[in-house]
């Protein structure tokens, strides 16, 4: 596995390398300390399996930078690793093509499980960002009964609950009310669902898999 890491803090890059060595033995790494260097390496002819990028590092052009990276590495998973846990940053990153968004505050265990989910074809959205009052996000692999085996592999329990209500024709506002979420959180879930299922709109998402049955 070939991994490209973009971050302007050398200590964080070194720590990330050590962590990723646990994920894939024998992985090779390239590093960049600013976005221009990251983009140059992404377009240098080497194919990477994973590209990790910070937000707002020197040279950061905005979220269009994620699209630029994907253009250079169309077969790679581009994942944001950032100190920001703002809803709008997560949503913008996913809408511009990121395969996941991992806060730098995440534990090693969470970061590894997030990357595992991403390599399985899912989209990782941090529970700490999505958590509402009285709610704890439940991730794939929990004790809650699975819905459809394919969905269970790609979506979190909360995302399956959102998808079920989408299939019932409910609006984001109705879904938010029923699940005790904000509309902003529902929109983030929708973006992650569309990316995980490889669809572009609500109708395609509703038809992607058989109806799931959330607990």
Protein backbone atom coordinates (compact mmCIF):
# COMPACT_ATOMS: atom_id res chain seq x y z
CA UNK A 1 0.00 0.00 0.00
CA UNK A 2 1.24 3.48 -0.93
CA UNK A 3 0.16 6.38 1.25
CA UNK A 4 0.59 10.13 0.76
CA UNK A 5 0.34 12.34 3.85
CA UNK A 6 -0.15 16.11 3.69
CA UNK A 7 0.18 18.12 6.91
CA UNK A 8 2.28 21.11 7.92
CA UNK A 9 3.19 19.65 11.34
CA UNK A 10 6.10 17.23 11.08
CA UNK A 11 5.35 15.59 14.43
CA UNK A 12 1.80 14.83 13.37
CA UNK A 13 3.01 13.33 10.08
CA UNK A 14 5.44 11.09 11.94
CA UNK A 15 2.74 9.99 14.36
CA UNK A 16 0.37 9.27 11.49
CA UNK A 17 3.00 7.17 9.76
CA UNK A 18 3.50 5.04 12.85
CA UNK A 19 -0.24 4.58 13.20
CA UNK A 20 -0.71 3.62 9.55
CA UNK A 21 2.08 1.08 9.76
CA UNK A 22 -0.26 -0.80 12.11
CA UNK A 23 -2.99 -0.74 9.47
CA UNK A 24 -0.95 -2.13 6.58
CA UNK A 25 2.35 -3.89 7.12
CA UNK A 26 4.94 -2.93 4.55
CA UNK A 27 3.16 0.28 3.54
CA UNK A 28 5.30 2.94 1.85
CA UNK A 29 4.90 6.66 2.53
CA UNK A 30 5.40 10.05 0.94
CA UNK A 31 4.92 13.28 2.85
CA UNK A 32 4.17 16.90 2.02
CA UNK A 33 4.30 19.92 4.34
CA UNK A 34 2.05 22.21 2.28
CA UNK A 35 -0.77 21.80 -0.22
CA UNK A 36 1.22 22.76 -3.30
CA UNK A 37 3.76 20.06 -2.50
CA UNK A 38 0.97 17.58 -1.79
CA UNK A 39 -0.69 18.29 -5.12
CA UNK A 40 2.65 18.07 -6.95
CA UNK A 41 3.36 14.63 -5.46
CA UNK A 42 -0.19 13.49 -6.19
CA UNK A 43 0.34 14.41 -9.85
CA UNK A 44 3.88 13.05 -10.10
CA UNK A 45 2.98 9.75 -11.73
CA UNK A 46 2.96 7.62 -8.57
CA UNK A 47 -0.33 5.90 -7.77
CA UNK A 48 -1.39 6.07 -4.13
CA UNK A 49 -3.97 3.94 -2.36
CA UNK A 50 -4.61 6.59 0.27
CA UNK A 51 -4.13 10.37 0.36
CA UNK A 52 -4.49 12.08 3.74
CA UNK A 53 -4.82 15.84 3.80
CA UNK A 54 -5.18 18.45 6.49
CA UNK A 55 -7.42 21.48 6.02
CA UNK A 56 -6.05 24.99 5.74
CA UNK A 57 -2.40 24.02 5.59
CA UNK A 58 -0.11 26.48 3.75
CA UNK A 59 -1.28 26.80 0.15
CA UNK A 60 -4.73 25.35 0.91
CA UNK A 61 -7.04 26.60 -1.88
CA UNK A 62 -10.30 25.75 -0.14
CA UNK A 63 -12.34 22.59 -0.47
CA UNK A 64 -11.80 22.56 -4.22
CA UNK A 65 -8.37 21.23 -3.23
CA UNK A 66 -9.97 17.88 -2.45
CA UNK A 67 -11.35 17.74 -5.98
CA UNK A 68 -7.89 18.65 -7.30
CA UNK A 69 -6.34 15.76 -5.37
CA UNK A 70 -8.98 13.36 -6.66
CA UNK A 71 -8.30 14.56 -10.18
CA UNK A 72 -4.63 13.66 -9.74
CA UNK A 73 -5.40 10.39 -7.94
CA UNK A 74 -8.80 9.16 -9.26
CA UNK A 75 -8.38 5.66 -7.85
CA UNK A 76 -7.21 6.78 -4.41
CA UNK A 77 -9.16 7.30 -1.21
CA UNK A 78 -8.78 10.97 -0.28
CA UNK A 79 -9.40 11.44 3.44
CA UNK A 80 -9.37 14.64 5.50
CA UNK A 81 -7.59 14.51 8.87
CA UNK A 82 -8.23 17.81 10.62
CA UNK A 83 -8.38 19.52 14.00
CA UNK A 84 -11.67 21.09 12.96
CA UNK A 85 -14.86 19.33 14.03
CA UNK A 86 -17.21 21.91 12.54
CA UNK A 87 -20.31 20.57 10.78
CA UNK A 88 -19.76 22.76 7.72
CA UNK A 89 -16.17 21.55 7.29
CA UNK A 90 -17.27 17.91 7.40
CA UNK A 91 -20.11 18.48 4.94
CA UNK A 92 -17.98 20.55 2.55
CA UNK A 93 -15.21 17.93 2.59
CA UNK A 94 -17.61 15.09 1.77
CA UNK A 95 -19.43 17.10 -0.88
CA UNK A 96 -16.10 17.85 -2.59
CA UNK A 97 -15.18 14.17 -2.80
CA UNK A 98 -13.51 13.14 0.47
CA UNK A 99 -14.00 9.49 1.35
CA UNK A 100 -14.01 10.32 5.04
CA UNK A 101 -13.33 12.95 7.67
CA UNK A 102 -11.24 12.02 10.71
CA UNK A 103 -10.73 14.53 13.55
CA UNK A 104 -7.18 14.77 14.88
CA UNK A 105 -8.64 14.26 18.35
CA UNK A 106 -9.59 10.68 17.43
CA UNK A 107 -8.00 7.81 19.31
CA UNK A 108 -5.73 5.38 17.50
CA UNK A 109 -8.46 2.74 17.66
CA UNK A 110 -11.05 5.06 16.12
CA UNK A 111 -8.69 6.25 13.40
CA UNK A 112 -7.82 2.68 12.40
CA UNK A 113 -11.46 1.60 12.39
CA UNK A 114 -12.35 4.68 10.32
CA UNK A 115 -9.74 3.82 7.69
CA UNK A 116 -10.88 0.19 7.71
CA UNK A 117 -14.45 1.36 6.99
CA UNK A 118 -13.22 3.63 4.19
CA UNK A 119 -11.24 0.82 2.54
CA UNK A 120 -14.36 -1.36 2.78
CA UNK A 121 -16.16 1.17 0.59
CA UNK A 122 -17.96 3.16 3.27
CA UNK A 123 -17.65 6.83 4.16
CA UNK A 124 -16.46 7.69 7.66
CA UNK A 125 -18.17 10.58 9.44
CA UNK A 126 -17.00 11.30 13.01
CA UNK A 127 -19.55 10.54 15.74
CA UNK A 128 -18.17 13.43 17.81
CA UNK A 129 -19.28 15.84 15.10
CA UNK A 130 -22.70 14.25 14.60
CA UNK A 131 -23.62 13.69 18.21
CA UNK A 132 -26.71 15.53 19.35
CA UNK A 133 -27.97 15.97 22.87
CA UNK A 134 -28.84 12.56 24.25
CA UNK A 135 -27.58 10.70 21.19
CA UNK A 136 -24.58 8.45 20.77
CA UNK A 137 -23.66 7.47 17.22
CA UNK A 138 -23.51 3.71 16.73
CA UNK A 139 -20.95 2.44 14.26
CA UNK A 140 -20.92 -0.63 12.07
CA UNK A 141 -20.03 -3.75 14.03
CA UNK A 142 -22.06 -2.83 17.10
CA UNK A 143 -24.47 -5.16 18.87
CA UNK A 144 -27.50 -3.66 17.11
CA UNK A 145 -28.91 -6.21 14.62
CA UNK A 146 -27.79 -5.59 11.05
CA UNK A 147 -30.18 -4.61 8.32
CA UNK A 148 -29.06 -5.77 4.88
CA UNK A 149 -25.58 -7.40 4.80
CA UNK A 150 -24.38 -4.97 2.14
CA UNK A 151 -25.71 -1.93 3.97
CA UNK A 152 -24.36 -3.21 7.25
CA UNK A 153 -20.91 -3.17 5.66
CA UNK A 154 -21.20 0.36 4.29
CA UNK A 155 -23.38 2.40 6.63
CA UNK A 156 -23.59 3.12 10.33
CA UNK A 157 -26.76 2.28 12.20
CA UNK A 158 -27.77 5.95 12.25
CA UNK A 159 -27.21 6.25 8.50
CA UNK A 160 -29.44 3.20 7.95
CA UNK A 161 -32.15 4.85 10.06
CA UNK A 162 -31.88 8.00 7.94
CA UNK A 163 -32.00 5.91 4.75
CA UNK A 164 -35.12 4.05 5.91
CA UNK A 165 -36.93 7.35 6.44
CA UNK A 166 -35.67 8.71 3.13
CA UNK A 167 -37.28 5.66 1.48
CA UNK A 168 -40.53 6.56 3.20
CA UNK A 169 -40.45 9.87 1.35
CA UNK A 170 -39.75 12.00 4.41
CA UNK A 171 -38.02 15.37 4.17
CA UNK A 172 -34.79 16.23 5.97
CA UNK A 173 -36.87 18.25 8.44
CA UNK A 174 -39.15 15.29 9.18
CA UNK A 175 -36.19 12.93 9.52
CA UNK A 176 -34.45 15.34 11.87
CA UNK A 177 -37.58 15.58 14.04
CA UNK A 178 -38.10 11.81 14.22
CA UNK A 179 -34.48 11.01 15.05
CA UNK A 180 -33.89 13.96 17.37
CA UNK A 181 -31.22 15.48 15.12
CA UNK A 182 -30.57 18.87 13.60
CA UNK A 183 -31.20 19.31 9.89
CA UNK A 184 -27.48 20.02 9.46
CA UNK A 185 -26.63 16.61 10.89
CA UNK A 186 -29.18 14.92 8.63
CA UNK A 187 -27.57 16.62 5.62
CA UNK A 188 -24.15 15.27 6.61
CA UNK A 189 -25.63 11.77 6.93
CA UNK A 190 -27.29 12.16 3.51
CA UNK A 191 -24.00 13.15 1.90
CA UNK A 192 -22.24 10.15 3.46
CA UNK A 193 -25.05 7.80 2.39
CA UNK A 194 -24.95 9.00 -1.22
CA UNK A 195 -21.16 8.56 -1.36
CA UNK A 196 -21.22 5.14 0.30
CA UNK A 197 -23.91 3.85 -2.08
CA UNK A 198 -22.40 5.52 -5.14
CA UNK A 199 -25.56 7.50 -5.95
CA UNK A 200 -26.29 11.14 -6.72
CA UNK A 201 -29.75 11.79 -5.32
CA UNK A 202 -32.47 10.62 -2.94
CA UNK A 203 -34.31 8.55 -5.56
CA UNK A 204 -31.19 6.57 -6.46
CA UNK A 205 -30.42 6.06 -2.78
CA UNK A 206 -33.91 4.73 -2.13
CA UNK A 207 -33.50 2.17 -4.93
CA UNK A 208 -29.90 1.16 -4.21
CA UNK A 209 -30.58 -1.79 -1.88
CA UNK A 210 -33.59 -3.65 -0.50
CA UNK A 211 -35.40 -1.99 2.38
CA UNK A 212 -33.43 -2.17 5.61
CA UNK A 213 -35.01 -2.85 8.98
CA UNK A 214 -33.41 -0.85 11.77
CA UNK A 215 -33.88 -1.86 15.36
